[in-house]
Every structure is written in C-alpha cells, then in structure tokens.
PDB file of N, CA and C in Angstrom:
ATOM      1  N   MET A   1      30.821  14.212 128.142  1.00  0.00           N
ATOM      2  CA  MET A   1      30.341  15.098 127.549  1.00  0.00           C
ATOM      3  C   MET A   1      31.721  15.824 126.848  1.00  0.00           C
ATOM      4  N   THR A   2      31.666  16.237 125.963  1.00  0.00           N
ATOM      5  CA  THR A   2      33.233  16.742 125.107  1.00  0.00           C
ATOM      6  C   THR A   2      33.354  18.038 125.481  1.00  0.00           C
ATOM      7  N   GLU A   3      34.537  18.485 125.772  1.00  0.00           N
ATOM      8  CA  GLU A   3      34.682  19.932 125.740  1.00  0.00           C
ATOM      9  C   GLU A   3      35.175  20.824 124.607  1.00  0.00           C
ATOM     10  N   THR A   4      34.729  21.599 124.278  1.00  0.00           N
ATOM     11  CA  THR A   4      35.081  22.227 123.235  1.00  0.00           C
ATOM     12  C   THR A   4      36.391  22.919 123.233  1.00  0.00           C
ATOM     13  N   THR A   5      37.358  23.012 122.381  1.00  0.00           N
ATOM     14  CA  THR A   5      38.623  23.390 122.220  1.00  0.00           C
ATOM     15  C   THR A   5      38.327  25.186 121.680  1.00  0.00           C
ATOM     16  N   PRO A   6      39.475  25.980 121.771  1.00  0.00           N
ATOM     17  CA  PRO A   6      39.481  27.109 120.995  1.00  0.00           C
ATOM     18  C   PRO A   6      39.716  26.503 119.476  1.00  0.00           C
ATOM     19  N   PHE A   7      40.429  25.583 119.190  1.00  0.00           N
ATOM     20  CA  PHE A   7      40.429  25.252 117.692  1.00  0.00           C
ATOM     21  C   PHE A   7      39.148  24.788 117.265  1.00  0.00           C
ATOM     22  N   ASP A   8      38.348  23.964 117.973  1.00  0.00           N
ATOM     23  CA  ASP A   8      36.979  23.657 117.627  1.00  0.00           C
ATOM     24  C   ASP A   8      36.181  24.435 117.187  1.00  0.00           C
ATOM     25  N   GLN A   9      36.452  25.951 118.094  1.00  0.00           N
ATOM     26  CA  GLN A   9      35.508  26.721 117.767  1.00  0.00           C
ATOM     27  C   GLN A   9      35.756  27.784 116.610  1.00  0.00           C
ATOM     28  N   GLN A  10      37.337  27.612 116.187  1.00  0.00           N
ATOM     29  CA  GLN A  10      37.842  28.540 115.151  1.00  0.00           C
ATOM     30  C   GLN A  10      37.398  27.563 113.762  1.00  0.00           C
ATOM     31  N   LEU A  11      37.487  26.447 113.791  1.00  0.00           N
ATOM     32  CA  LEU A  11      36.844  25.300 112.934  1.00  0.00           C
ATOM     33  C   LEU A  11      35.522  25.805 112.332  1.00  0.00           C
ATOM     34  N   ALA A  12      34.374  25.848 113.409  1.00  0.00           N
ATOM     35  CA  ALA A  12      33.294  26.225 113.439  1.00  0.00           C
ATOM     36  C   ALA A  12      32.900  27.627 112.781  1.00  0.00           C
ATOM     37  N   ARG A  13      33.687  28.469 113.317  1.00  0.00           N
ATOM     38  CA  ARG A  13      33.658  29.856 112.930  1.00  0.00           C
ATOM     39  C   ARG A  13      33.891  29.771 111.348  1.00  0.00           C
ATOM     40  N   LEU A  14      35.278  29.196 110.857  1.00  0.00           N
ATOM     41  CA  LEU A  14      35.515  29.089 109.387  1.00  0.00           C
ATOM     42  C   LEU A  14      34.118  28.706 108.612  1.00  0.00           C
ATOM     43  N   GLY A  15      33.951  27.028 109.274  1.00  0.00           N
ATOM     44  CA  GLY A  15      32.656  26.484 108.379  1.00  0.00           C
ATOM     45  C   GLY A  15      31.805  27.136 108.366  1.00  0.00           C
ATOM     46  N   GLU A  16      31.012  28.157 109.089  1.00  0.00           N
ATOM     47  CA  GLU A  16      29.995  29.142 109.112  1.00  0.00           C
ATOM     48  C   GLU A  16      30.442  30.121 108.069  1.00  0.00           C
ATOM     49  N   ALA A  17      31.555  30.487 107.836  1.00  0.00           N
ATOM     50  CA  ALA A  17      32.157  31.729 107.254  1.00  0.00           C
ATOM     51  C   ALA A  17      32.446  31.330 105.792  1.00  0.00           C
ATOM     52  N   ILE A  18      32.487  30.161 105.234  1.00  0.00           N
ATOM     53  CA  ILE A  18      32.604  28.942 104.270  1.00  0.00           C
ATOM     54  C   ILE A  18      31.197  29.196 103.540  1.00  0.00           C
ATOM     55  N   ALA A  19      30.168  28.827 104.351  1.00  0.00           N
ATOM     56  CA  ALA A  19      28.909  28.332 104.158  1.00  0.00           C
ATOM     57  C   ALA A  19      28.343  29.681 103.691  1.00  0.00           C
ATOM     58  N   THR A  20      28.387  31.010 104.130  1.00  0.00           N
ATOM     59  CA  THR A  20      28.305  32.047 103.831  1.00  0.00           C
ATOM     60  C   THR A  20      28.624  32.875 102.701  1.00  0.00           C
ATOM     61  N   ASP A  21      30.201  32.954 102.249  1.00  0.00           N
ATOM     62  CA  ASP A  21      30.940  33.353 101.658  1.00  0.00           C
ATOM     63  C   ASP A  21      31.264  32.688 100.667  1.00  0.00           C
ATOM     64  N   GLY A  22      31.324  31.294 100.797  1.00  0.00           N
ATOM     65  CA  GLY A  22      32.269  30.427  99.474  1.00  0.00           C
ATOM     66  C   GLY A  22      33.515  30.313 100.063  1.00  0.00           C
ATOM     67  N   VAL A  23      34.384  28.867  99.703  1.00  0.00           N
ATOM     68  CA  VAL A  23      35.570  28.783  99.829  1.00  0.00           C
ATOM     69  C   VAL A  23      36.726  29.935  99.300  1.00  0.00           C
ATOM     70  N   ALA A  24      36.180  30.312  98.044  1.00  0.00           N
ATOM     71  CA  ALA A  24      37.022  31.130  97.352  1.00  0.00           C
ATOM     72  C   ALA A  24      37.803  32.567  98.125  1.00  0.00           C
ATOM     73  N   ARG A  25      36.950  33.019  99.080  1.00  0.00           N
ATOM     74  CA  ARG A  25      37.067  34.319  99.877  1.00  0.00           C
ATOM     75  C   ARG A  25      38.103  33.560 101.293  1.00  0.00           C
ATOM     76  N   TYR A  26      38.486  32.414 101.302  1.00  0.00           N
ATOM     77  CA  TYR A  26      39.286  31.615 102.538  1.00  0.00           C
ATOM     78  C   TYR A  26      40.138  31.171 102.267  1.00  0.00           C
ATOM     79  N   GLU A  27      41.277  31.624 100.701  1.00  0.00           N
ATOM     80  CA  GLU A  27      41.989  30.462 100.444  1.00  0.00           C
ATOM     81  C   GLU A  27      43.249  30.213 101.467  1.00  0.00           C
ATOM     82  N   ALA A  28      43.471  31.182 102.096  1.00  0.00           N
ATOM     83  CA  ALA A  28      44.783  31.179 102.903  1.00  0.00           C
ATOM     84  C   ALA A  28      44.497  30.250 103.933  1.00  0.00           C
ATOM     85  N   GLU A  29      43.026  30.382 104.619  1.00  0.00           N
ATOM     86  CA  GLU A  29      42.746  30.101 105.930  1.00  0.00           C
ATOM     87  C   GLU A  29      42.543  28.405 105.438  1.00  0.00           C
ATOM     88  N   LEU A  30      42.205  27.848 104.312  1.00  0.00           N
ATOM     89  CA  LEU A  30      42.282  27.048 104.002  1.00  0.00           C
ATOM     90  C   LEU A  30      43.383  26.357 103.709  1.00  0.00           C
ATOM     91  N   ALA A  31      44.267  26.622 102.803  1.00  0.00           N
ATOM     92  CA  ALA A  31      45.920  26.562 102.684  1.00  0.00           C
ATOM     93  C   ALA A  31      46.351  25.611 104.318  1.00  0.00           C
ATOM     94  N   ALA A  32      46.092  26.823 105.303  1.00  0.00           N
ATOM     95  CA  ALA A  32      46.718  26.625 106.447  1.00  0.00           C
ATOM     96  C   ALA A  32      46.500  25.183 107.364  1.00  0.00           C
ATOM     97  N   LEU A  33      45.003  25.098 107.149  1.00  0.00           N
ATOM     98  CA  LEU A  33      44.462  24.123 107.230  1.00  0.00           C
ATOM     99  C   LEU A  33      44.719  22.756 106.582  1.00  0.00           C
ATOM    100  N   ALA A  34      45.070  22.939 105.407  1.00  0.00           N
ATOM    101  CA  ALA A  34      45.350  21.269 104.965  1.00  0.00           C
ATOM    102  C   ALA A  34      46.852  21.284 105.097  1.00  0.00           C
ATOM    103  N   ALA A  35      47.858  22.556 105.691  1.00  0.00           N
ATOM    104  CA  ALA A  35      49.116  22.080 105.874  1.00  0.00           C
ATOM    105  C   ALA A  35      49.158  21.625 107.185  1.00  0.00           C
ATOM    106  N   ARG A  36      48.215  21.995 107.772  1.00  0.00           N
ATOM    107  CA  ARG A  36      47.899  21.283 109.532  1.00  0.00           C
ATOM    108  C   ARG A  36      47.433  19.900 109.538  1.00  0.00           C
ATOM    109  N   ALA A  37      46.796  19.861 108.448  1.00  0.00           N
ATOM    110  CA  ALA A  37      46.211  17.817 108.192  1.00  0.00           C
ATOM    111  C   ALA A  37      47.599  17.358 107.826  1.00  0.00           C
ATOM    112  N   ARG A  38      48.213  17.744 107.121  1.00  0.00           N
ATOM    113  CA  ARG A  38      49.488  16.955 106.634  1.00  0.00           C
ATOM    114  C   ARG A  38      50.460  16.754 107.275  1.00  0.00           C
ATOM    115  N   ARG A  39      50.617  17.854 108.108  1.00  0.00           N
ATOM    116  CA  ARG A  39      51.764  17.442 109.434  1.00  0.00           C
ATOM    117  C   ARG A  39      51.309  16.668 110.305  1.00  0.00           C
ATOM    118  N   ALA A  40      49.672  16.528 110.647  1.00  0.00           N
ATOM    119  CA  ALA A  40      49.140  15.491 111.564  1.00  0.00           C
ATOM    120  C   ALA A  40      49.130  14.399 110.901  1.00  0.00           C
ATOM    121  N   HIS A  41      49.559  13.940 109.812  1.00  0.00           N
ATOM    122  CA  HIS A  41      49.199  13.124 108.812  1.00  0.00           C
ATOM    123  C   HIS A  41      47.884  12.268 108.924  1.00  0.00           C
ATOM    124  N   VAL A  42      47.037  13.078 109.032  1.00  0.00           N
ATOM    125  CA  VAL A  42      45.378  12.905 108.847  1.00  0.00           C
ATOM    126  C   VAL A  42      44.661  13.696 107.733  1.00  0.00           C
ATOM    127  N   ALA A  43      43.679  12.806 107.139  1.00  0.00           N
ATOM    128  CA  ALA A  43      43.237  12.850 105.987  1.00  0.00           C
ATOM    129  C   ALA A  43      43.947  13.639 105.313  1.00  0.00           C
ATOM    130  N   ARG A  44      44.975  13.058 104.468  1.00  0.00           N
ATOM    131  CA  ARG A  44      45.638  13.575 103.594  1.00  0.00           C
ATOM    132  C   ARG A  44      45.296  13.521 102.260  1.00  0.00           C
ATOM    133  N   ALA A  45      44.209  13.110 101.378  1.00  0.00           N
ATOM    134  CA  ALA A  45      43.758  13.188 100.315  1.00  0.00           C
ATOM    135  C   ALA A  45      42.732  14.201 100.486  1.00  0.00           C
ATOM    136  N   ALA A  46      42.080  14.405 101.765  1.00  0.00           N
ATOM    137  CA  ALA A  46      40.924  15.596 101.559  1.00  0.00           C
ATOM    138  C   ALA A  46      42.074  16.765 101.881  1.00  0.00           C
ATOM    139  N   ALA A  47      43.024  16.683 102.464  1.00  0.00           N
ATOM    140  CA  ALA A  47      43.811  17.976 102.631  1.00  0.00           C
ATOM    141  C   ALA A  47      44.272  18.318 100.946  1.00  0.00           C
ATOM    142  N   ASP A  48      44.665  17.486 100.595  1.00  0.00           N
ATOM    143  CA  ASP A  48      44.962  17.956  99.157  1.00  0.00           C
ATOM    144  C   ASP A  48      43.835  18.874  98.427  1.00  0.00           C
ATOM    145  N   VAL A  49      42.753  18.086  98.310  1.00  0.00           N
ATOM    146  CA  VAL A  49      41.507  18.280  97.463  1.00  0.00           C
ATOM    147  C   VAL A  49      41.182  19.876  98.520  1.00  0.00           C
ATOM    148  N   LEU A  50      41.402  20.025  99.538  1.00  0.00           N
ATOM    149  CA  LEU A  50      40.952  21.478 100.367  1.00  0.00           C
ATOM    150  C   LEU A  50      41.921  22.497  99.720  1.00  0.00           C
ATOM    151  N   ALA A  51      43.201  21.993  99.658  1.00  0.00           N
ATOM    152  CA  ALA A  51      44.022  22.791  99.041  1.00  0.00           C
ATOM    153  C   ALA A  51      43.960  23.466  97.770  1.00  0.00           C
ATOM    154  N   ASP A  52      43.341  22.628  96.809  1.00  0.00           N
ATOM    155  CA  ASP A  52      43.323  22.640  95.540  1.00  0.00           C
ATOM    156  C   ASP A  52      42.538  23.876  94.583  1.00  0.00           C
ATOM    157  N   ARG A  53      42.589  24.828  94.218  1.00  0.00           N
ATOM    158  CA  ARG A  53      41.981  25.855  93.567  1.00  0.00           C
ATOM    159  C   ARG A  53      41.347  25.655  92.588  1.00  0.00           C
ATOM    160  N   THR A  54      41.558  24.780  91.994  1.00  0.00           N
ATOM    161  CA  THR A  54      40.720  24.058  90.960  1.00  0.00           C
ATOM    162  C   THR A  54      39.707  23.472  91.323  1.00  0.00           C
ATOM    163  N   ALA A  55      39.523  22.777  92.371  1.00  0.00           N
ATOM    164  CA  ALA A  55      38.714  21.575  92.525  1.00  0.00           C
ATOM    165  C   ALA A  55      37.011  22.601  93.145  1.00  0.00           C
ATOM    166  N   PRO A  56      35.902  21.864  92.523  1.00  0.00           N
ATOM    167  CA  PRO A  56      34.828  22.563  92.483  1.00  0.00           C
ATOM    168  C   PRO A  56      34.377  22.826  93.709  1.00  0.00           C
ATOM    169  N   ALA A  57      33.930  24.172  94.052  1.00  0.00           N
ATOM    170  CA  ALA A  57      33.545  24.720  95.475  1.00  0.00           C
ATOM    171  C   ALA A  57      32.817  23.579  96.454  1.00  0.00           C
ATOM    172  N   VAL A  58      31.749  22.731  95.870  1.00  0.00           N
ATOM    173  CA  VAL A  58      31.179  22.056  96.675  1.00  0.00           C
ATOM    174  C   VAL A  58      32.185  20.849  97.074  1.00  0.00           C
ATOM    175  N   VAL A  59      33.111  20.533  96.471  1.00  0.00           N
ATOM    176  CA  VAL A  59      34.188  19.327  96.348  1.00  0.00           C
ATOM    177  C   VAL A  59      34.735  19.771  97.737  1.00  0.00           C
ATOM    178  N   ARG A  60      35.667  21.016  98.030  1.00  0.00           N
ATOM    179  CA  ARG A  60      36.555  21.766  98.874  1.00  0.00           C
ATOM    180  C   ARG A  60      35.695  21.868 100.379  1.00  0.00           C
ATOM    181  N   GLU A  61      34.386  22.148  99.996  1.00  0.00           N
ATOM    182  CA  GLU A  61      33.312  22.199 101.129  1.00  0.00           C
ATOM    183  C   GLU A  61      33.501  20.672 102.116  1.00  0.00           C
ATOM    184  N   ARG A  62      33.557  19.674 101.147  1.00  0.00           N
ATOM    185  CA  ARG A  62      33.124  18.323 101.644  1.00  0.00           C
ATOM    186  C   ARG A  62      34.753  17.871 102.221  1.00  0.00           C
ATOM    187  N   ALA A  63      35.774  18.684 101.385  1.00  0.00           N
ATOM    188  CA  ALA A  63      37.039  17.965 102.074  1.00  0.00           C
ATOM    189  C   ALA A  63      37.127  18.885 103.167  1.00  0.00           C
ATOM    190  N   PHE A  64      36.604  20.506 103.105  1.00  0.00           N
ATOM    191  CA  PHE A  64      36.336  20.876 104.742  1.00  0.00           C
ATOM    192  C   PHE A  64      36.291  20.147 106.207  1.00  0.00           C
ATOM    193  N   ALA A  65      35.027  19.897 105.643  1.00  0.00           N
ATOM    194  CA  ALA A  65      34.312  18.730 106.649  1.00  0.00           C
ATOM    195  C   ALA A  65      35.311  17.481 107.027  1.00  0.00           C
ATOM    196  N   VAL A  66      35.739  16.967 106.238  1.00  0.00           N
ATOM    197  CA  VAL A  66      36.580  15.856 106.501  1.00  0.00           C
ATOM    198  C   VAL A  66      38.054  16.077 107.110  1.00  0.00           C
ATOM    199  N   VAL A  67      38.436  16.800 106.350  1.00  0.00           N
ATOM    200  CA  VAL A  67      39.765  17.692 108.005  1.00  0.00           C
ATOM    201  C   VAL A  67      39.361  18.301 108.612  1.00  0.00           C
ATOM    202  N   SER A  68      38.723  19.057 108.759  1.00  0.00           N
ATOM    203  CA  SER A  68      38.133  19.512 110.343  1.00  0.00           C
ATOM    204  C   SER A  68      37.854  18.568 110.788  1.00  0.00           C
ATOM    205  N   ARG A  69      36.906  17.329 110.820  1.00  0.00           N
ATOM    206  CA  ARG A  69      36.611  15.899 111.681  1.00  0.00           C
ATOM    207  C   ARG A  69      37.998  15.537 112.231  1.00  0.00           C
ATOM    208  N   PHE A  70      38.684  15.083 111.258  1.00  0.00           N
ATOM    209  CA  PHE A  70      40.214  14.192 111.234  1.00  0.00           C
ATOM    210  C   PHE A  70      40.840  14.729 112.210  1.00  0.00           C
ATOM    211  N   LEU A  71      41.053  16.227 112.142  1.00  0.00           N
ATOM    212  CA  LEU A  71      42.074  17.143 113.114  1.00  0.00           C
ATOM    213  C   LEU A  71      41.338  17.291 114.126  1.00  0.00           C
ATOM    214  N   THR A  72      40.239  17.170 114.379  1.00  0.00           N
ATOM    215  CA  THR A  72      39.426  17.244 115.902  1.00  0.00           C
ATOM    216  C   THR A  72      39.710  15.877 116.273  1.00  0.00           C
ATOM    217  N   LEU A  73      39.175  14.884 115.902  1.00  0.00           N
ATOM    218  CA  LEU A  73      39.393  13.718 116.324  1.00  0.00           C
ATOM    219  C   LEU A  73      40.887  13.063 117.101  1.00  0.00           C
ATOM    220  N   ALA A  74      42.236  13.778 116.124  1.00  0.00           N
ATOM    221  CA  ALA A  74      43.116  13.298 116.284  1.00  0.00           C
ATOM    222  C   ALA A  74      43.707  14.185 117.496  1.00  0.00           C
ATOM    223  N   GLY A  75      43.124  15.037 117.666  1.00  0.00           N
ATOM    224  CA  GLY A  75      43.573  16.000 119.073  1.00  0.00           C
ATOM    225  C   GLY A  75      44.539  16.941 118.666  1.00  0.00           C
ATOM    226  N   THR A  76      44.988  17.455 117.321  1.00  0.00           N
ATOM    227  CA  THR A  76      45.981  17.836 116.872  1.00  0.00           C
ATOM    228  C   THR A  76      45.788  19.567 117.774  1.00  0.00           C
ATOM    229  N   PHE A  77      46.432  19.702 118.871  1.00  0.00           N
ATOM    230  CA  PHE A  77      46.257  21.421 119.482  1.00  0.00           C
ATOM    231  C   PHE A  77      47.908  22.241 119.116  1.00  0.00           C
ATOM    232  N   GLU A  78      48.218  22.033 117.966  1.00  0.00           N
ATOM    233  CA  GLU A  78      49.408  22.256 117.708  1.00  0.00           C
ATOM    234  C   GLU A  78      49.180  24.149 117.825  1.00  0.00           C
ATOM    235  N   PRO A  79      49.925  24.828 118.400  1.00  0.00           N
ATOM    236  CA  PRO A  79      49.398  26.327 118.339  1.00  0.00           C
ATOM    237  C   PRO A  79      49.630  27.138 117.111  1.00  0.00           C
ATOM    238  N   THR A  80      48.632  27.854 116.676  1.00  0.00           N
ATOM    239  CA  THR A  80      48.238  28.635 115.678  1.00  0.00           C
ATOM    240  C   THR A  80      49.624  29.494 115.000  1.00  0.00           C
ATOM    241  N   GLY A  81      49.945  30.004 115.949  1.00  0.00           N
ATOM    242  CA  GLY A  81      51.237  31.153 116.169  1.00  0.00           C
ATOM    243  C   GLY A  81      50.638  32.409 115.838  1.00  0.00           C
ATOM    244  N   ASP A  82      51.002  33.163 115.135  1.00  0.00           N
ATOM    245  CA  ASP A  82      50.479  34.513 115.218  1.00  0.00           C
ATOM    246  C   ASP A  82      49.204  34.752 113.766  1.00  0.00           C
ATOM    247  N   VAL A  83      49.235  33.844 112.970  1.00  0.00           N
ATOM    248  CA  VAL A  83      48.436  33.586 112.174  1.00  0.00           C
ATOM    249  C   VAL A  83      47.072  32.457 112.874  1.00  0.00           C
ATOM    250  N   ALA A  84      45.979  33.157 112.646  1.00  0.00           N
ATOM    251  CA  ALA A  84      44.915  32.427 113.048  1.00  0.00           C
ATOM    252  C   ALA A  84      44.353  31.575 111.795  1.00  0.00           C
ATOM    253  N   ILE A  85      43.414  30.216 112.011  1.00  0.00           N
ATOM    254  CA  ILE A  85      43.233  29.807 110.938  1.00  0.00           C
ATOM    255  C   ILE A  85      41.762  30.586 110.047  1.00  0.00           C
ATOM    256  N   VAL A  86      41.422  31.189 111.167  1.00  0.00           N
ATOM    257  CA  VAL A  86      39.950  31.846 110.821  1.00  0.00           C
ATOM    258  C   VAL A  86      40.082  33.187 110.979  1.00  0.00           C
ATOM    259  N   PRO A  87      39.629  34.184 109.964  1.00  0.00           N
ATOM    260  CA  PRO A  87      39.675  35.703 110.085  1.00  0.00           C
ATOM    261  C   PRO A  87      38.796  36.126 111.138  1.00  0.00           C
ATOM    262  N   ALA A  88      39.272  37.479 111.980  1.00  0.00           N
ATOM    263  CA  ALA A  88      38.489  38.042 112.731  1.00  0.00           C
ATOM    264  C   ALA A  88      37.041  38.209 112.572  1.00  0.00           C
ATOM    265  N   ALA A  89      36.215  38.047 113.127  1.00  0.00           N
ATOM    266  CA  ALA A  89      34.612  38.161 113.122  1.00  0.00           C
ATOM    267  C   ALA A  89      34.275  39.918 112.607  1.00  0.00           C
TER     268      ALA A  89
END
C-alpha cells in the first residue's frame, strides 16, 4: 500500500480546485508546480504547457495531470517554503 504524502494531498486539492474553478484562477500555483517539475527534471514538455497561459484550458489541465503524476513518481519532496502550491480551503 502506498502512503499518501502531504504533497500528494496538495496536488489532489489543487486538482479538485482546478476542476471546479478552471486553470486561470490558479496561475501562481501552476507556475510553481511547473517550476518544481523543471527543477526535478521530469515532464519538462508538460511543465512548459502547464505554465503557458495562452494554451487552451483543457490542454493545461492534461499537463497538470502529467506533471503531478511524474512528480509523485519521482518522489520529489522538496520543501514548499512559505508558499503552498495550493490555496487554503
């Protein structure tokens, strides 16, 4: 059984928020997530799409799924510092 990490929980909350509100409302969080993927050297193409404000929303949503999955698989547990990748509920 796989243990759920706080990062996994943050990604799940962000995914739910995106599904409800759309990607445009979470530009800062998506930019932070894309930067994290680039630092981890995973899903770079998807990270670029995720950060591209001109890309269609559905494409960015799919990129979010790819980036999230690869970061989870890579086990990137870098600290988020003072900035959470998801807004407080």
